[in-house]
Amino acid sequence: MSWFWKDDADERFYSGKSGFAESRTNTLSLGLFPSLMYRQSWLSVTVSGFASNSRSYYSVSGTNDVNTWDFGSRLEFLATTNSDWEFSSDVSYMWYRGYSQGYGDSELLWNAGVAKTFGRFTTSLKVSDILNRQKSLHRTATADYVEDVYRTVMGRYFLLGVGFNFGKMNASQGKQVEKAMWEMQW
């Protein structure tokens, strides 16, 4: 059987001369992640999005090539009151194209939080995945197979936090640091 598997250069089987060929997979992934931010002293709003494309090319048969798209948009806001309350929320929407049947359902995620500062202490309450709809979609494309999998995620949870500020810079030091950082950039 050595005539089938290899010749003097060990390439008969993998070169395709024996009637068989090694399957090679090349994957190319590209993404775009634009965002816009509006900021005032008491309010910060960010709108962002993403689009990513992943293509897997097979050397043996082009009919098996895989092309998937992931899209998403996100809206975030953070508001601070004069009485040291801080309110935050973000909403994300993701949708997918090109995945196997039963995979790639769209997702709507919503997170929110509130925090209050008392002198040097800050207490906070955050809720992640309020709608309890988060999934984690992952695709693996190799020379042998393509696999779509939903991975286990934590789901909805509440997080209570307490923080302590050990010290703050006085105003003159803060201005000096800010000026030094601007000079380093330019």
N, C-alpha and C. Protein backbone atom coordinates (compact mmCIF):
# COMPACT_ATOMS: atom_id res chain seq x y z
N MET A 1 0.81 -1.20 0.00
CA MET A 1 0.00 0.00 0.00
C MET A 1 0.85 1.26 0.00
N SER A 2 2.16 1.16 -0.01
CA SER A 2 2.98 2.36 -0.02
C SER A 2 2.75 3.17 -1.29
N TRP A 3 2.35 2.51 -2.41
CA TRP A 3 2.07 3.25 -3.65
C TRP A 3 0.88 4.19 -3.45
N PHE A 4 -0.04 3.83 -2.50
CA PHE A 4 -1.23 4.62 -2.27
C PHE A 4 -0.94 5.80 -1.34
N TRP A 5 -0.18 5.55 -0.27
CA TRP A 5 0.02 6.55 0.75
C TRP A 5 1.11 7.55 0.44
N LYS A 6 2.24 7.10 -0.08
CA LYS A 6 3.32 8.06 -0.27
C LYS A 6 4.25 7.61 -1.38
N ASP A 7 4.95 8.57 -1.91
CA ASP A 7 6.00 8.30 -2.86
C ASP A 7 7.31 8.72 -2.22
N ASP A 8 8.34 8.91 -3.00
CA ASP A 8 9.65 9.27 -2.43
C ASP A 8 9.60 10.58 -1.66
N ALA A 9 8.73 11.49 -2.05
CA ALA A 9 8.63 12.78 -1.37
C ALA A 9 7.52 12.80 -0.31
N ASP A 10 6.91 11.65 0.00
CA ASP A 10 5.84 11.55 1.01
C ASP A 10 4.64 12.43 0.68
N GLU A 11 4.33 12.59 -0.59
CA GLU A 11 3.24 13.49 -0.95
C GLU A 11 2.17 12.87 -1.83
N ARG A 12 2.20 11.61 -2.10
CA ARG A 12 1.21 11.03 -3.03
C ARG A 12 -0.21 11.19 -2.47
N PHE A 13 -0.42 10.83 -1.21
CA PHE A 13 -1.77 10.88 -0.65
C PHE A 13 -2.27 12.32 -0.50
N TYR A 14 -1.46 13.20 0.14
CA TYR A 14 -1.93 14.54 0.44
C TYR A 14 -1.93 15.48 -0.76
N SER A 15 -1.25 15.16 -1.81
CA SER A 15 -1.27 16.02 -2.99
C SER A 15 -2.48 15.76 -3.86
N GLY A 16 -3.19 14.65 -3.65
CA GLY A 16 -4.35 14.33 -4.44
C GLY A 16 -4.05 13.36 -5.58
N LYS A 17 -2.79 12.97 -5.76
CA LYS A 17 -2.43 12.06 -6.84
C LYS A 17 -3.01 10.66 -6.64
N SER A 18 -3.33 10.32 -5.41
CA SER A 18 -3.90 9.00 -5.13
C SER A 18 -5.42 8.99 -5.29
N GLY A 19 -6.00 10.13 -5.62
CA GLY A 19 -7.44 10.23 -5.73
C GLY A 19 -8.07 10.87 -4.51
N PHE A 20 -7.30 11.05 -3.46
CA PHE A 20 -7.76 11.71 -2.24
C PHE A 20 -6.96 12.99 -2.04
N ALA A 21 -7.51 13.92 -1.28
CA ALA A 21 -6.79 15.17 -1.00
C ALA A 21 -7.06 15.58 0.44
N GLU A 22 -6.10 16.24 1.03
CA GLU A 22 -6.24 16.76 2.39
C GLU A 22 -7.13 17.99 2.34
N SER A 23 -8.07 18.04 3.23
CA SER A 23 -8.96 19.19 3.31
C SER A 23 -8.32 20.24 4.21
N ARG A 24 -8.21 21.44 3.71
CA ARG A 24 -7.67 22.56 4.49
C ARG A 24 -8.77 23.58 4.66
N THR A 25 -8.80 24.19 5.83
CA THR A 25 -9.80 25.20 6.12
C THR A 25 -9.10 26.52 6.42
N ASN A 26 -9.51 27.57 5.74
CA ASN A 26 -9.02 28.91 6.01
C ASN A 26 -10.20 29.74 6.47
N THR A 27 -10.02 30.45 7.58
CA THR A 27 -11.10 31.27 8.11
C THR A 27 -10.65 32.72 8.16
N LEU A 28 -11.51 33.62 7.70
CA LEU A 28 -11.25 35.05 7.71
C LEU A 28 -12.37 35.71 8.49
N SER A 29 -12.01 36.53 9.48
CA SER A 29 -13.01 37.24 10.28
C SER A 29 -12.71 38.74 10.24
N LEU A 30 -13.75 39.53 9.99
CA LEU A 30 -13.64 40.98 9.94
C LEU A 30 -14.74 41.58 10.80
N GLY A 31 -14.46 42.73 11.41
CA GLY A 31 -15.48 43.36 12.23
C GLY A 31 -15.39 44.87 12.20
N LEU A 32 -16.50 45.53 12.47
CA LEU A 32 -16.60 46.98 12.55
C LEU A 32 -17.37 47.31 13.82
N PHE A 33 -16.83 48.24 14.64
CA PHE A 33 -17.43 48.54 15.94
C PHE A 33 -17.51 50.06 16.15
N PRO A 34 -18.41 50.77 15.47
CA PRO A 34 -18.52 52.23 15.65
C PRO A 34 -19.30 52.59 16.92
N SER A 35 -19.02 53.78 17.47
CA SER A 35 -19.79 54.26 18.62
C SER A 35 -19.78 55.78 18.66
N LEU A 36 -20.82 56.34 19.26
CA LEU A 36 -20.95 57.77 19.48
C LEU A 36 -21.25 58.00 20.95
N MET A 37 -20.65 59.08 21.52
CA MET A 37 -20.88 59.38 22.93
C MET A 37 -21.23 60.85 23.09
N TYR A 38 -22.22 61.11 23.93
CA TYR A 38 -22.59 62.46 24.31
C TYR A 38 -22.38 62.56 25.81
N ARG A 39 -21.64 63.60 26.27
CA ARG A 39 -21.33 63.68 27.69
C ARG A 39 -21.50 65.11 28.19
N GLN A 40 -22.18 65.23 29.33
CA GLN A 40 -22.28 66.47 30.08
C GLN A 40 -21.80 66.16 31.49
N SER A 41 -21.82 67.14 32.35
CA SER A 41 -21.34 66.92 33.72
C SER A 41 -22.19 65.91 34.48
N TRP A 42 -23.47 65.82 34.16
CA TRP A 42 -24.38 64.94 34.91
C TRP A 42 -24.90 63.76 34.09
N LEU A 43 -24.65 63.74 32.76
CA LEU A 43 -25.23 62.72 31.90
C LEU A 43 -24.23 62.24 30.86
N SER A 44 -24.24 60.95 30.64
CA SER A 44 -23.41 60.35 29.59
C SER A 44 -24.27 59.34 28.84
N VAL A 45 -24.33 59.49 27.50
CA VAL A 45 -25.12 58.59 26.66
C VAL A 45 -24.21 58.06 25.55
N THR A 46 -24.20 56.76 25.36
CA THR A 46 -23.39 56.15 24.31
C THR A 46 -24.27 55.26 23.45
N VAL A 47 -24.13 55.41 22.15
CA VAL A 47 -24.81 54.56 21.18
C VAL A 47 -23.71 53.86 20.38
N SER A 48 -23.79 52.54 20.30
CA SER A 48 -22.75 51.80 19.58
C SER A 48 -23.38 50.64 18.82
N GLY A 49 -22.60 50.09 17.94
CA GLY A 49 -23.07 48.96 17.16
C GLY A 49 -21.89 48.12 16.71
N PHE A 50 -22.18 46.99 16.16
CA PHE A 50 -21.10 46.18 15.59
C PHE A 50 -21.66 45.29 14.49
N ALA A 51 -20.78 44.97 13.58
CA ALA A 51 -21.08 44.00 12.53
C ALA A 51 -19.80 43.21 12.32
N SER A 52 -19.90 41.90 12.37
CA SER A 52 -18.73 41.07 12.13
C SER A 52 -19.11 39.93 11.20
N ASN A 53 -18.16 39.59 10.35
CA ASN A 53 -18.37 38.55 9.35
C ASN A 53 -17.26 37.53 9.49
N SER A 54 -17.62 36.26 9.47
CA SER A 54 -16.63 35.18 9.53
C SER A 54 -16.91 34.22 8.38
N ARG A 55 -15.90 33.98 7.57
CA ARG A 55 -16.03 33.07 6.43
C ARG A 55 -14.98 31.98 6.55
N SER A 56 -15.41 30.75 6.36
CA SER A 56 -14.51 29.60 6.35
C SER A 56 -14.52 29.00 4.95
N TYR A 57 -13.35 28.87 4.37
CA TYR A 57 -13.20 28.34 3.02
C TYR A 57 -12.55 26.96 3.09
N TYR A 58 -13.14 25.99 2.36
CA TYR A 58 -12.63 24.62 2.35
C TYR A 58 -11.95 24.35 1.01
N SER A 59 -10.76 23.75 1.07
CA SER A 59 -9.98 23.52 -0.14
C SER A 59 -10.56 22.43 -1.03
N VAL A 60 -11.22 21.43 -0.46
CA VAL A 60 -11.71 20.30 -1.24
C VAL A 60 -13.00 20.63 -1.97
N SER A 61 -13.94 21.26 -1.27
CA SER A 61 -15.24 21.54 -1.88
C SER A 61 -15.72 22.92 -1.46
N GLY A 62 -15.86 23.80 -2.42
CA GLY A 62 -16.33 25.15 -2.13
C GLY A 62 -17.79 25.21 -1.75
N THR A 63 -18.55 24.15 -2.04
CA THR A 63 -19.97 24.17 -1.67
C THR A 63 -20.17 24.09 -0.17
N ASN A 64 -19.15 23.71 0.58
CA ASN A 64 -19.25 23.61 2.03
C ASN A 64 -18.78 24.87 2.75
N ASP A 65 -18.38 25.91 2.00
CA ASP A 65 -17.92 27.14 2.63
C ASP A 65 -19.00 27.68 3.56
N VAL A 66 -18.56 28.33 4.65
CA VAL A 66 -19.47 28.82 5.68
C VAL A 66 -19.32 30.33 5.78
N ASN A 67 -20.44 31.03 5.84
CA ASN A 67 -20.44 32.48 5.92
C ASN A 67 -21.43 32.91 6.99
N THR A 68 -20.96 33.51 8.10
CA THR A 68 -21.85 33.93 9.18
C THR A 68 -21.66 35.42 9.46
N TRP A 69 -22.75 36.06 9.86
CA TRP A 69 -22.76 37.46 10.23
C TRP A 69 -23.32 37.60 11.64
N ASP A 70 -22.69 38.45 12.45
CA ASP A 70 -23.17 38.81 13.77
C ASP A 70 -23.37 40.33 13.78
N PHE A 71 -24.53 40.80 14.22
CA PHE A 71 -24.84 42.21 14.28
C PHE A 71 -25.30 42.56 15.69
N GLY A 72 -25.08 43.80 16.09
CA GLY A 72 -25.56 44.23 17.39
C GLY A 72 -25.62 45.73 17.51
N SER A 73 -26.46 46.19 18.41
CA SER A 73 -26.55 47.61 18.74
C SER A 73 -26.70 47.73 20.25
N ARG A 74 -26.26 48.88 20.78
CA ARG A 74 -26.25 49.06 22.23
C ARG A 74 -26.50 50.53 22.56
N LEU A 75 -27.31 50.75 23.58
CA LEU A 75 -27.58 52.09 24.10
C LEU A 75 -27.26 52.06 25.59
N GLU A 76 -26.39 52.98 26.02
CA GLU A 76 -26.00 53.05 27.43
C GLU A 76 -26.23 54.47 27.94
N PHE A 77 -26.64 54.59 29.19
CA PHE A 77 -26.68 55.91 29.79
C PHE A 77 -26.26 55.83 31.25
N LEU A 78 -25.70 56.95 31.71
CA LEU A 78 -25.28 57.10 33.09
C LEU A 78 -25.66 58.50 33.52
N ALA A 79 -26.46 58.64 34.57
CA ALA A 79 -26.90 59.94 35.07
C ALA A 79 -26.52 60.06 36.54
N THR A 80 -26.01 61.24 36.90
CA THR A 80 -25.60 61.51 38.28
C THR A 80 -26.37 62.73 38.78
N THR A 81 -26.94 62.62 39.97
CA THR A 81 -27.70 63.74 40.54
C THR A 81 -26.81 64.57 41.45
N ASN A 82 -27.29 65.74 41.84
CA ASN A 82 -26.54 66.60 42.77
C ASN A 82 -26.45 66.00 44.16
N SER A 83 -27.33 65.08 44.48
CA SER A 83 -27.33 64.45 45.81
C SER A 83 -26.56 63.12 45.80
N ASP A 84 -25.63 62.95 44.84
CA ASP A 84 -24.72 61.79 44.76
C ASP A 84 -25.41 60.46 44.48
N TRP A 85 -26.53 60.49 43.78
CA TRP A 85 -27.15 59.27 43.27
C TRP A 85 -26.64 59.06 41.86
N GLU A 86 -26.44 57.82 41.48
CA GLU A 86 -25.99 57.49 40.13
C GLU A 86 -26.90 56.39 39.57
N PHE A 87 -27.46 56.66 38.38
CA PHE A 87 -28.35 55.70 37.73
C PHE A 87 -27.73 55.29 36.39
N SER A 88 -27.70 53.99 36.13
CA SER A 88 -27.13 53.52 34.87
C SER A 88 -28.02 52.44 34.28
N SER A 89 -27.98 52.35 32.96
CA SER A 89 -28.74 51.31 32.27
C SER A 89 -28.13 51.11 30.89
N ASP A 90 -28.23 49.91 30.38
CA ASP A 90 -27.82 49.65 29.01
C ASP A 90 -28.72 48.57 28.42
N VAL A 91 -29.01 48.74 27.14
CA VAL A 91 -29.85 47.80 26.40
C VAL A 91 -29.07 47.39 25.16
N SER A 92 -28.99 46.09 24.92
CA SER A 92 -28.28 45.57 23.74
C SER A 92 -29.22 44.66 22.96
N TYR A 93 -29.12 44.75 21.63
CA TYR A 93 -29.88 43.87 20.77
C TYR A 93 -28.91 43.24 19.78
N MET A 94 -28.91 41.91 19.67
CA MET A 94 -28.02 41.19 18.77
C MET A 94 -28.84 40.28 17.86
N TRP A 95 -28.41 40.17 16.60
CA TRP A 95 -29.04 39.25 15.68
C TRP A 95 -27.95 38.63 14.80
N TYR A 96 -28.27 37.47 14.24
CA TYR A 96 -27.28 36.64 13.56
C TYR A 96 -27.81 36.13 12.23
N ARG A 97 -26.90 35.86 11.29
CA ARG A 97 -27.25 35.29 9.99
C ARG A 97 -26.22 34.21 9.62
N GLY A 98 -26.70 33.12 9.02
CA GLY A 98 -25.81 32.11 8.49
C GLY A 98 -25.54 30.92 9.41
N TYR A 99 -26.18 30.86 10.55
CA TYR A 99 -25.96 29.76 11.48
C TYR A 99 -26.91 28.59 11.16
N SER A 100 -26.64 27.45 11.74
CA SER A 100 -27.47 26.26 11.54
C SER A 100 -28.89 26.51 12.05
N GLN A 101 -29.82 25.73 11.56
CA GLN A 101 -31.21 25.86 11.99
C GLN A 101 -31.31 25.63 13.50
N GLY A 102 -32.03 26.49 14.17
CA GLY A 102 -32.18 26.37 15.62
C GLY A 102 -31.16 27.21 16.37
N TYR A 103 -30.21 27.82 15.66
CA TYR A 103 -29.19 28.65 16.29
C TYR A 103 -29.26 30.05 15.67
N GLY A 104 -28.81 31.02 16.42
CA GLY A 104 -28.77 32.38 15.91
C GLY A 104 -30.03 33.17 16.15
N ASP A 105 -30.83 32.79 17.18
CA ASP A 105 -32.00 33.59 17.53
C ASP A 105 -31.54 34.95 18.04
N SER A 106 -32.30 35.98 17.75
CA SER A 106 -31.94 37.32 18.21
C SER A 106 -32.04 37.40 19.74
N GLU A 107 -31.30 38.35 20.32
CA GLU A 107 -31.26 38.50 21.78
C GLU A 107 -31.46 39.96 22.16
N LEU A 108 -32.22 40.20 23.20
CA LEU A 108 -32.39 41.52 23.78
C LEU A 108 -31.93 41.43 25.23
N LEU A 109 -30.90 42.21 25.58
CA LEU A 109 -30.35 42.20 26.93
C LEU A 109 -30.52 43.57 27.57
N TRP A 110 -30.88 43.58 28.84
CA TRP A 110 -31.07 44.84 29.56
C TRP A 110 -30.42 44.71 30.94
N ASN A 111 -29.56 45.66 31.27
CA ASN A 111 -28.90 45.72 32.57
C ASN A 111 -29.17 47.11 33.17
N ALA A 112 -29.25 47.19 34.49
CA ALA A 112 -29.49 48.48 35.15
C ALA A 112 -28.81 48.48 36.52
N GLY A 113 -28.56 49.69 37.00
CA GLY A 113 -27.93 49.81 38.31
C GLY A 113 -28.22 51.16 38.93
N VAL A 114 -28.09 51.20 40.24
CA VAL A 114 -28.23 52.43 41.00
C VAL A 114 -27.16 52.43 42.09
N ALA A 115 -26.58 53.61 42.35
CA ALA A 115 -25.54 53.73 43.37
C ALA A 115 -25.74 55.04 44.13
N LYS A 116 -25.34 55.05 45.38
CA LYS A 116 -25.43 56.24 46.23
C LYS A 116 -24.13 56.38 47.01
N THR A 117 -23.60 57.60 47.01
CA THR A 117 -22.37 57.88 47.73
C THR A 117 -22.69 58.61 49.03
N PHE A 118 -22.14 58.10 50.13
CA PHE A 118 -22.27 58.70 51.46
C PHE A 118 -20.87 59.01 51.95
N GLY A 119 -20.39 60.22 51.74
CA GLY A 119 -19.03 60.55 52.15
C GLY A 119 -18.02 59.72 51.36
N ARG A 120 -17.30 58.87 52.08
CA ARG A 120 -16.30 58.01 51.42
C ARG A 120 -16.85 56.64 51.04
N PHE A 121 -18.07 56.32 51.43
CA PHE A 121 -18.68 55.03 51.11
C PHE A 121 -19.62 55.15 49.90
N THR A 122 -19.64 54.13 49.08
CA THR A 122 -20.57 54.04 47.97
C THR A 122 -21.25 52.68 48.04
N THR A 123 -22.57 52.70 48.00
CA THR A 123 -23.32 51.44 47.94
C THR A 123 -23.98 51.36 46.57
N SER A 124 -24.10 50.16 46.05
CA SER A 124 -24.68 50.01 44.71
C SER A 124 -25.49 48.72 44.62
N LEU A 125 -26.46 48.75 43.72
CA LEU A 125 -27.25 47.57 43.38
C LEU A 125 -27.31 47.50 41.87
N LYS A 126 -26.88 46.39 41.30
CA LYS A 126 -26.90 46.20 39.86
C LYS A 126 -27.67 44.93 39.53
N VAL A 127 -28.44 45.00 38.46
CA VAL A 127 -29.19 43.84 37.98
C VAL A 127 -28.72 43.57 36.56
N SER A 128 -28.23 42.37 36.31
CA SER A 128 -27.77 41.99 34.98
C SER A 128 -28.77 41.04 34.34
N ASP A 129 -28.98 41.22 33.06
CA ASP A 129 -29.90 40.39 32.27
C ASP A 129 -31.30 40.38 32.90
N ILE A 130 -31.88 41.56 33.02
CA ILE A 130 -33.19 41.71 33.65
C ILE A 130 -34.25 40.82 32.99
N LEU A 131 -34.20 40.67 31.68
CA LEU A 131 -35.19 39.88 30.96
C LEU A 131 -34.88 38.39 30.96
N ASN A 132 -33.73 38.01 31.49
CA ASN A 132 -33.27 36.61 31.59
C ASN A 132 -33.29 35.90 30.23
N ARG A 133 -32.67 36.55 29.22
CA ARG A 133 -32.68 36.00 27.87
C ARG A 133 -31.29 35.81 27.28
N GLN A 134 -30.24 35.99 28.07
CA GLN A 134 -28.90 35.94 27.51
C GLN A 134 -28.49 34.52 27.11
N LYS A 135 -27.86 34.43 25.93
CA LYS A 135 -27.30 33.17 25.43
C LYS A 135 -25.88 33.46 24.99
N SER A 136 -25.08 32.45 24.81
CA SER A 136 -23.73 32.63 24.32
C SER A 136 -23.54 31.70 23.13
N LEU A 137 -23.63 32.25 21.92
CA LEU A 137 -23.51 31.47 20.69
C LEU A 137 -22.06 31.43 20.25
N HIS A 138 -21.59 30.25 19.90
CA HIS A 138 -20.21 30.09 19.44
C HIS A 138 -20.19 29.11 18.27
N ARG A 139 -19.43 29.43 17.23
CA ARG A 139 -19.30 28.55 16.06
C ARG A 139 -17.85 28.10 15.96
N THR A 140 -17.67 26.80 15.71
CA THR A 140 -16.36 26.21 15.44
C THR A 140 -16.39 25.64 14.04
N ALA A 141 -15.45 26.06 13.19
CA ALA A 141 -15.36 25.54 11.82
C ALA A 141 -13.96 24.96 11.63
N THR A 142 -13.89 23.65 11.41
CA THR A 142 -12.61 22.99 11.17
C THR A 142 -12.69 22.26 9.83
N ALA A 143 -11.62 21.57 9.48
CA ALA A 143 -11.59 20.81 8.23
C ALA A 143 -12.58 19.65 8.28
N ASP A 144 -12.89 19.16 9.48
CA ASP A 144 -13.74 17.99 9.63
C ASP A 144 -15.21 18.30 9.88
N TYR A 145 -15.52 19.43 10.51
CA TYR A 145 -16.91 19.69 10.88
C TYR A 145 -17.14 21.17 11.16
N VAL A 146 -18.41 21.54 11.19
CA VAL A 146 -18.85 22.86 11.63
C VAL A 146 -19.81 22.62 12.79
N GLU A 147 -19.59 23.33 13.89
CA GLU A 147 -20.40 23.11 15.09
C GLU A 147 -20.90 24.44 15.63
N ASP A 148 -22.19 24.57 15.84
CA ASP A 148 -22.80 25.71 16.51
C ASP A 148 -23.21 25.27 17.90
N VAL A 149 -22.85 26.06 18.91
CA VAL A 149 -23.10 25.67 20.30
C VAL A 149 -23.57 26.89 21.09
N TYR A 150 -24.58 26.68 21.93
CA TYR A 150 -24.94 27.66 22.94
C TYR A 150 -24.21 27.26 24.22
N ARG A 151 -23.39 28.15 24.74
CA ARG A 151 -22.68 27.88 25.99
C ARG A 151 -23.51 28.36 27.18
N THR A 152 -23.30 27.74 28.31
CA THR A 152 -24.04 28.09 29.51
C THR A 152 -23.59 29.46 30.02
N VAL A 153 -24.55 30.31 30.35
CA VAL A 153 -24.27 31.61 30.93
C VAL A 153 -25.03 31.73 32.24
N MET A 154 -24.64 32.69 33.04
CA MET A 154 -25.21 32.81 34.37
C MET A 154 -26.69 33.21 34.35
N GLY A 155 -27.11 34.07 33.42
CA GLY A 155 -28.49 34.52 33.42
C GLY A 155 -28.68 35.70 34.35
N ARG A 156 -29.92 35.95 34.74
CA ARG A 156 -30.23 37.10 35.59
C ARG A 156 -29.57 36.95 36.96
N TYR A 157 -28.97 38.08 37.41
CA TYR A 157 -28.44 38.08 38.77
C TYR A 157 -28.40 39.51 39.31
N PHE A 158 -28.41 39.61 40.63
CA PHE A 158 -28.36 40.88 41.34
C PHE A 158 -27.01 40.96 42.03
N LEU A 159 -26.43 42.16 42.04
CA LEU A 159 -25.13 42.35 42.67
C LEU A 159 -25.20 43.56 43.59
N LEU A 160 -24.98 43.32 44.86
CA LEU A 160 -24.98 44.38 45.86
C LEU A 160 -23.52 44.69 46.18
N GLY A 161 -23.16 45.97 46.11
CA GLY A 161 -21.75 46.34 46.33
C GLY A 161 -21.62 47.45 47.35
N VAL A 162 -20.48 47.43 48.05
CA VAL A 162 -20.11 48.48 48.98
C VAL A 162 -18.67 48.85 48.68
N GLY A 163 -18.41 50.14 48.50
CA GLY A 163 -17.06 50.59 48.20
C GLY A 163 -16.61 51.65 49.17
N PHE A 164 -15.30 51.75 49.36
CA PHE A 164 -14.73 52.76 50.25
C PHE A 164 -13.65 53.50 49.49
N ASN A 165 -13.70 54.83 49.49
CA ASN A 165 -12.71 55.66 48.83
C ASN A 165 -11.64 56.04 49.85
N PHE A 166 -10.41 55.60 49.63
CA PHE A 166 -9.34 55.83 50.59
C PHE A 166 -8.79 57.25 50.53
N GLY A 167 -9.06 57.99 49.50
CA GLY A 167 -8.57 59.37 49.41
C GLY A 167 -8.81 59.94 48.03
N LYS A 168 -8.83 61.26 47.99
CA LYS A 168 -9.02 61.95 46.72
C LYS A 168 -7.93 63.01 46.58
N MET A 169 -7.59 63.34 45.34
CA MET A 169 -6.67 64.44 45.08
C MET A 169 -7.41 65.74 45.33
N ASN A 170 -6.65 66.75 45.80
CA ASN A 170 -7.31 68.05 45.89
C ASN A 170 -7.39 68.65 44.48
N ALA A 171 -8.13 69.71 44.31
CA ALA A 171 -8.42 70.27 42.99
C ALA A 171 -7.16 70.70 42.24
N SER A 172 -6.20 71.31 42.95
CA SER A 172 -4.99 71.79 42.25
C SER A 172 -4.16 70.62 41.72
N GLN A 173 -4.06 69.52 42.48
CA GLN A 173 -3.34 68.35 41.99
C GLN A 173 -4.04 67.73 40.80
N GLY A 174 -5.36 67.69 40.81
CA GLY A 174 -6.12 67.12 39.70
C GLY A 174 -5.89 67.91 38.42
N LYS A 175 -5.85 69.24 38.50
CA LYS A 175 -5.59 70.06 37.32
C LYS A 175 -4.18 69.84 36.79
N GLN A 176 -3.20 69.68 37.70
CA GLN A 176 -1.82 69.43 37.27
C GLN A 176 -1.71 68.09 36.56
N VAL A 177 -2.36 67.08 37.06
CA VAL A 177 -2.33 65.76 36.43
C VAL A 177 -3.00 65.82 35.07
N GLU A 178 -4.15 66.49 34.97
CA GLU A 178 -4.85 66.61 33.70
C GLU A 178 -3.99 67.33 32.67
N LYS A 179 -3.33 68.43 33.08
CA LYS A 179 -2.46 69.18 32.17
C LYS A 179 -1.29 68.32 31.71
N ALA A 180 -0.69 67.55 32.61
CA ALA A 180 0.44 66.68 32.24
C ALA A 180 0.01 65.60 31.25
N MET A 181 -1.18 65.05 31.43
CA MET A 181 -1.68 64.03 30.51
C MET A 181 -1.90 64.61 29.11
N TRP A 182 -2.46 65.84 29.03
CA TRP A 182 -2.67 66.46 27.73
C TRP A 182 -1.33 66.74 27.04
N GLU A 183 -0.34 67.18 27.81
CA GLU A 183 0.99 67.48 27.22
C GLU A 183 1.66 66.20 26.72
N MET A 184 1.42 65.08 27.38
CA MET A 184 2.01 63.81 26.92
C MET A 184 1.39 63.38 25.60
N GLN A 185 0.11 63.67 25.40
CA GLN A 185 -0.57 63.28 24.17
C GLN A 185 -0.14 64.13 22.99
N TRP A 186 0.11 65.38 23.20
CA TRP A 186 0.40 66.29 22.09
C TRP A 186 1.82 66.70 22.21
